[in-house]
């Protein structure tokens, strides 16, 4: 499949997305042996610089995302509303903890 894609695109195919995110160490070794340099899992979030290149995290982007959500997902791994809800939950929890004293 990789060679076919390279022929059709006239460009090397060096990135793999594991089907349904299904992979293990053996699959990673086979991907490397096949010439893939990076591969994307279905683990959500942003990959740190030292992440395994054959098990990169994935940021989901949806057709209904606004441009703000898109930019937020690229920078944080989450949409604007998800980030705001997380921040609000943190503030709310601080008040709850503080009111117990």
N, C-alpha and C. Protein backbone atom coordinates (compact mmCIF):
# COMPACT_ATOMS: atom_id res chain seq x y z
N UNK A 1 0.83 -1.19 0.00
CA UNK A 1 0.00 0.00 0.00
C UNK A 1 0.87 1.25 0.00
N UNK A 2 1.95 1.21 0.78
CA UNK A 2 2.82 2.38 0.88
C UNK A 2 3.44 2.71 -0.48
N UNK A 3 3.93 1.70 -1.16
CA UNK A 3 4.57 1.92 -2.47
C UNK A 3 3.55 2.48 -3.48
N UNK A 4 2.33 1.97 -3.44
CA UNK A 4 1.28 2.46 -4.34
C UNK A 4 1.01 3.93 -4.08
N UNK A 5 0.88 4.31 -2.82
CA UNK A 5 0.63 5.70 -2.45
C UNK A 5 1.77 6.58 -2.93
N UNK A 6 3.00 6.13 -2.73
CA UNK A 6 4.17 6.91 -3.17
C UNK A 6 4.18 7.09 -4.68
N UNK A 7 3.81 6.04 -5.41
CA UNK A 7 3.76 6.15 -6.88
C UNK A 7 2.68 7.15 -7.31
N UNK A 8 1.52 7.05 -6.69
CA UNK A 8 0.42 7.93 -7.07
C UNK A 8 0.70 9.39 -6.72
N UNK A 9 1.38 9.62 -5.61
CA UNK A 9 1.64 10.99 -5.16
C UNK A 9 2.99 11.53 -5.61
N UNK A 10 3.83 10.66 -6.13
CA UNK A 10 5.20 11.03 -6.48
C UNK A 10 5.89 11.72 -5.29
N UNK A 11 5.67 11.14 -4.13
CA UNK A 11 6.20 11.71 -2.90
C UNK A 11 6.35 10.57 -1.89
N UNK A 12 7.41 10.59 -1.09
CA UNK A 12 7.56 9.51 -0.12
C UNK A 12 6.47 9.54 0.97
N UNK A 13 5.97 8.37 1.31
CA UNK A 13 4.99 8.24 2.39
C UNK A 13 5.75 7.78 3.62
N UNK A 14 5.96 8.69 4.56
CA UNK A 14 6.77 8.36 5.74
C UNK A 14 5.96 8.40 7.02
N UNK A 15 4.68 8.77 6.94
CA UNK A 15 3.84 8.84 8.13
C UNK A 15 2.70 7.84 8.01
N UNK A 16 2.43 7.14 9.10
CA UNK A 16 1.39 6.11 9.13
C UNK A 16 0.38 6.46 10.20
N UNK A 17 -0.89 6.23 9.92
CA UNK A 17 -1.94 6.31 10.95
C UNK A 17 -2.41 4.88 11.16
N UNK A 18 -2.20 4.37 12.37
CA UNK A 18 -2.59 2.99 12.65
C UNK A 18 -4.10 2.85 12.50
N UNK A 19 -4.55 1.83 11.74
CA UNK A 19 -6.00 1.63 11.58
C UNK A 19 -6.67 1.43 12.94
N UNK A 20 -7.64 2.27 13.23
CA UNK A 20 -8.37 2.25 14.49
C UNK A 20 -7.45 2.44 15.70
N UNK A 21 -6.25 2.94 15.47
CA UNK A 21 -5.31 3.17 16.55
C UNK A 21 -4.73 1.90 17.13
N UNK A 22 -4.92 0.80 16.44
CA UNK A 22 -4.49 -0.51 16.95
C UNK A 22 -3.02 -0.76 16.63
N UNK A 23 -2.20 -0.83 17.67
CA UNK A 23 -0.79 -1.12 17.49
C UNK A 23 -0.19 -1.63 18.79
N UNK A 24 0.93 -2.27 18.66
CA UNK A 24 1.73 -2.68 19.82
C UNK A 24 3.19 -2.56 19.40
N UNK A 25 4.09 -2.97 20.24
CA UNK A 25 5.52 -2.81 19.94
C UNK A 25 5.90 -3.55 18.66
N UNK A 26 5.32 -4.73 18.42
CA UNK A 26 5.63 -5.48 17.20
C UNK A 26 5.20 -4.71 15.95
N UNK A 27 4.04 -4.10 16.01
CA UNK A 27 3.53 -3.31 14.88
C UNK A 27 4.44 -2.10 14.65
N UNK A 28 4.91 -1.48 15.73
CA UNK A 28 5.82 -0.34 15.61
C UNK A 28 7.12 -0.77 14.90
N UNK A 29 7.64 -1.91 15.27
CA UNK A 29 8.87 -2.41 14.65
C UNK A 29 8.63 -2.66 13.16
N UNK A 30 7.51 -3.27 12.82
CA UNK A 30 7.18 -3.52 11.41
C UNK A 30 7.02 -2.21 10.64
N UNK A 31 6.41 -1.21 11.27
CA UNK A 31 6.25 0.10 10.62
C UNK A 31 7.60 0.72 10.34
N UNK A 32 8.51 0.64 11.29
CA UNK A 32 9.86 1.19 11.10
C UNK A 32 10.59 0.43 10.00
N UNK A 33 10.47 -0.88 10.00
CA UNK A 33 11.13 -1.70 8.96
C UNK A 33 10.57 -1.40 7.58
N UNK A 34 9.29 -1.02 7.51
CA UNK A 34 8.67 -0.68 6.23
C UNK A 34 9.07 0.70 5.75
N UNK A 35 9.76 1.46 6.60
CA UNK A 35 10.24 2.77 6.19
C UNK A 35 9.47 3.95 6.74
N UNK A 36 8.49 3.69 7.59
CA UNK A 36 7.75 4.80 8.18
C UNK A 36 8.60 5.45 9.26
N UNK A 37 8.59 6.77 9.29
CA UNK A 37 9.38 7.53 10.26
C UNK A 37 8.53 7.89 11.48
N UNK A 38 7.26 8.18 11.23
CA UNK A 38 6.34 8.54 12.30
C UNK A 38 5.03 7.78 12.11
N UNK A 39 4.29 7.63 13.21
CA UNK A 39 2.98 6.99 13.13
C UNK A 39 2.09 7.59 14.21
N UNK A 40 0.83 7.70 13.89
CA UNK A 40 -0.14 8.34 14.77
C UNK A 40 -1.04 7.30 15.42
N UNK A 41 -1.13 7.37 16.73
CA UNK A 41 -2.04 6.50 17.48
C UNK A 41 -3.37 7.22 17.62
N UNK A 42 -4.25 6.68 18.44
CA UNK A 42 -5.50 7.40 18.75
C UNK A 42 -5.47 7.93 20.18
N UNK A 43 -4.30 7.92 20.81
CA UNK A 43 -4.19 8.54 22.13
C UNK A 43 -4.43 10.04 21.96
N UNK A 44 -5.38 10.60 22.69
CA UNK A 44 -5.69 12.02 22.49
C UNK A 44 -4.64 12.94 23.11
N UNK A 45 -4.52 14.12 22.53
CA UNK A 45 -3.66 15.15 23.09
C UNK A 45 -2.48 15.51 22.21
N UNK A 46 -1.61 16.33 22.77
CA UNK A 46 -0.41 16.78 22.07
C UNK A 46 0.77 15.91 22.50
N UNK A 47 1.61 15.56 21.56
CA UNK A 47 2.80 14.78 21.89
C UNK A 47 3.91 15.70 22.36
N UNK A 48 4.56 15.34 23.46
CA UNK A 48 5.73 16.12 23.89
C UNK A 48 6.89 15.84 22.94
N UNK A 49 7.92 16.67 22.98
CA UNK A 49 9.05 16.55 22.06
C UNK A 49 9.74 15.20 22.17
N UNK A 50 9.68 14.57 23.34
CA UNK A 50 10.38 13.30 23.52
C UNK A 50 9.47 12.08 23.34
N UNK A 51 8.29 12.29 22.77
CA UNK A 51 7.35 11.19 22.56
C UNK A 51 7.89 10.20 21.53
N UNK A 52 7.44 8.98 21.61
CA UNK A 52 7.81 7.94 20.65
C UNK A 52 7.27 8.33 19.28
N UNK A 53 8.14 8.47 18.29
CA UNK A 53 7.72 8.91 16.96
C UNK A 53 6.80 7.91 16.26
N UNK A 54 6.81 6.67 16.73
CA UNK A 54 5.92 5.66 16.14
C UNK A 54 4.68 5.43 17.01
N UNK A 55 4.38 6.37 17.89
CA UNK A 55 3.17 6.30 18.72
C UNK A 55 2.73 7.71 19.11
N UNK A 56 2.69 8.60 18.13
CA UNK A 56 2.33 9.99 18.40
C UNK A 56 0.86 10.11 18.80
N UNK A 57 0.58 11.10 19.63
CA UNK A 57 -0.80 11.38 20.03
C UNK A 57 -1.54 12.04 18.88
N UNK A 58 -2.84 12.12 19.01
CA UNK A 58 -3.68 12.67 17.94
C UNK A 58 -4.58 13.77 18.49
N UNK A 59 -4.70 14.83 17.74
CA UNK A 59 -5.63 15.91 18.08
C UNK A 59 -6.81 15.79 17.12
N UNK A 60 -7.98 15.56 17.68
CA UNK A 60 -9.18 15.45 16.85
C UNK A 60 -9.67 16.83 16.47
N UNK A 61 -10.01 17.00 15.21
CA UNK A 61 -10.58 18.25 14.71
C UNK A 61 -11.89 17.87 14.04
N UNK A 62 -12.94 18.62 14.34
CA UNK A 62 -14.27 18.31 13.84
C UNK A 62 -14.76 19.38 12.88
N UNK A 63 -15.62 18.98 11.95
CA UNK A 63 -16.15 19.90 10.96
C UNK A 63 -16.93 21.05 11.55
N UNK A 64 -17.50 20.86 12.74
CA UNK A 64 -18.28 21.93 13.36
C UNK A 64 -17.42 22.85 14.23
N UNK A 65 -16.12 22.57 14.35
CA UNK A 65 -15.23 23.44 15.13
C UNK A 65 -15.15 24.82 14.50
N UNK A 66 -15.16 25.82 15.35
CA UNK A 66 -14.93 27.19 14.86
C UNK A 66 -13.44 27.36 14.60
N UNK A 67 -13.06 28.45 13.99
CA UNK A 67 -11.63 28.73 13.77
C UNK A 67 -10.91 28.86 15.12
N UNK A 68 -11.62 29.37 16.13
CA UNK A 68 -11.04 29.50 17.46
C UNK A 68 -10.79 28.12 18.08
N UNK A 69 -11.76 27.22 17.90
CA UNK A 69 -11.59 25.85 18.39
C UNK A 69 -10.42 25.17 17.68
N UNK A 70 -10.34 25.36 16.36
CA UNK A 70 -9.27 24.76 15.58
C UNK A 70 -7.90 25.22 16.09
N UNK A 71 -7.74 26.52 16.26
CA UNK A 71 -6.47 27.06 16.76
C UNK A 71 -6.19 26.56 18.17
N UNK A 72 -7.23 26.55 19.00
CA UNK A 72 -7.07 26.07 20.37
C UNK A 72 -6.66 24.60 20.40
N UNK A 73 -7.27 23.79 19.55
CA UNK A 73 -6.90 22.37 19.49
C UNK A 73 -5.44 22.20 19.07
N UNK A 74 -4.98 22.99 18.12
CA UNK A 74 -3.59 22.89 17.68
C UNK A 74 -2.62 23.29 18.77
N UNK A 75 -3.01 24.23 19.61
CA UNK A 75 -2.11 24.72 20.67
C UNK A 75 -2.22 23.94 21.97
N UNK A 76 -3.43 23.44 22.28
CA UNK A 76 -3.64 22.81 23.59
C UNK A 76 -4.15 21.38 23.51
N UNK A 77 -4.65 20.97 22.35
CA UNK A 77 -5.24 19.64 22.21
C UNK A 77 -6.72 19.62 22.53
N UNK A 78 -7.29 20.77 22.93
CA UNK A 78 -8.71 20.86 23.29
C UNK A 78 -9.34 22.09 22.66
N UNK A 79 -10.67 22.02 22.52
CA UNK A 79 -11.41 23.17 22.00
C UNK A 79 -11.52 24.25 23.07
N UNK A 80 -11.86 25.46 22.66
CA UNK A 80 -11.96 26.60 23.57
C UNK A 80 -12.91 26.28 24.71
N UNK A 81 -14.10 25.79 24.40
CA UNK A 81 -15.10 25.50 25.44
C UNK A 81 -14.57 24.45 26.41
N UNK A 82 -13.88 23.43 25.91
CA UNK A 82 -13.32 22.40 26.80
C UNK A 82 -12.29 23.02 27.75
N UNK A 83 -11.47 23.92 27.23
CA UNK A 83 -10.48 24.59 28.08
C UNK A 83 -11.15 25.48 29.12
N UNK A 84 -12.17 26.20 28.70
CA UNK A 84 -12.89 27.08 29.64
C UNK A 84 -13.60 26.26 30.71
N UNK A 85 -14.23 25.15 30.31
CA UNK A 85 -14.91 24.31 31.30
C UNK A 85 -13.91 23.75 32.30
N UNK A 86 -12.74 23.35 31.85
CA UNK A 86 -11.71 22.85 32.75
C UNK A 86 -11.25 23.93 33.72
N UNK A 87 -11.08 25.14 33.21
CA UNK A 87 -10.67 26.25 34.07
C UNK A 87 -11.76 26.58 35.09
N UNK A 88 -13.01 26.60 34.64
CA UNK A 88 -14.12 26.88 35.55
C UNK A 88 -14.25 25.80 36.62
N UNK A 89 -14.06 24.54 36.24
CA UNK A 89 -14.10 23.45 37.21
C UNK A 89 -13.02 23.63 38.27
N UNK A 90 -11.83 24.03 37.84
CA UNK A 90 -10.72 24.24 38.79
C UNK A 90 -11.05 25.35 39.78
N UNK A 91 -11.60 26.45 39.27
CA UNK A 91 -11.96 27.57 40.14
C UNK A 91 -13.07 27.16 41.10
N UNK A 92 -14.07 26.47 40.57
CA UNK A 92 -15.19 26.01 41.41
C UNK A 92 -14.70 25.08 42.50
N UNK A 93 -13.80 24.17 42.16
CA UNK A 93 -13.24 23.25 43.16
C UNK A 93 -12.45 23.99 44.23
N UNK A 94 -11.75 25.04 43.85
CA UNK A 94 -11.01 25.84 44.84
C UNK A 94 -11.97 26.45 45.85
N UNK A 95 -13.11 26.97 45.37
CA UNK A 95 -14.09 27.57 46.29
C UNK A 95 -14.72 26.53 47.18
N UNK A 96 -14.97 25.34 46.62
CA UNK A 96 -15.57 24.27 47.43
C UNK A 96 -14.62 23.85 48.54
N UNK A 97 -13.36 23.68 48.19
CA UNK A 97 -12.36 23.27 49.18
C UNK A 97 -12.19 24.37 50.24
N UNK A 98 -12.15 25.62 49.78
CA UNK A 98 -12.00 26.74 50.71
C UNK A 98 -13.18 26.91 51.65
N UNK A 99 -14.38 26.54 51.20
CA UNK A 99 -15.57 26.73 52.05
C UNK A 99 -15.69 25.65 53.11
N UNK A 100 -14.94 24.57 53.01
CA UNK A 100 -14.99 23.49 53.99
C UNK A 100 -14.17 23.83 55.24
N UNK A 101 -13.28 24.79 55.15
CA UNK A 101 -12.39 25.11 56.29
C UNK A 101 -13.12 25.84 57.38
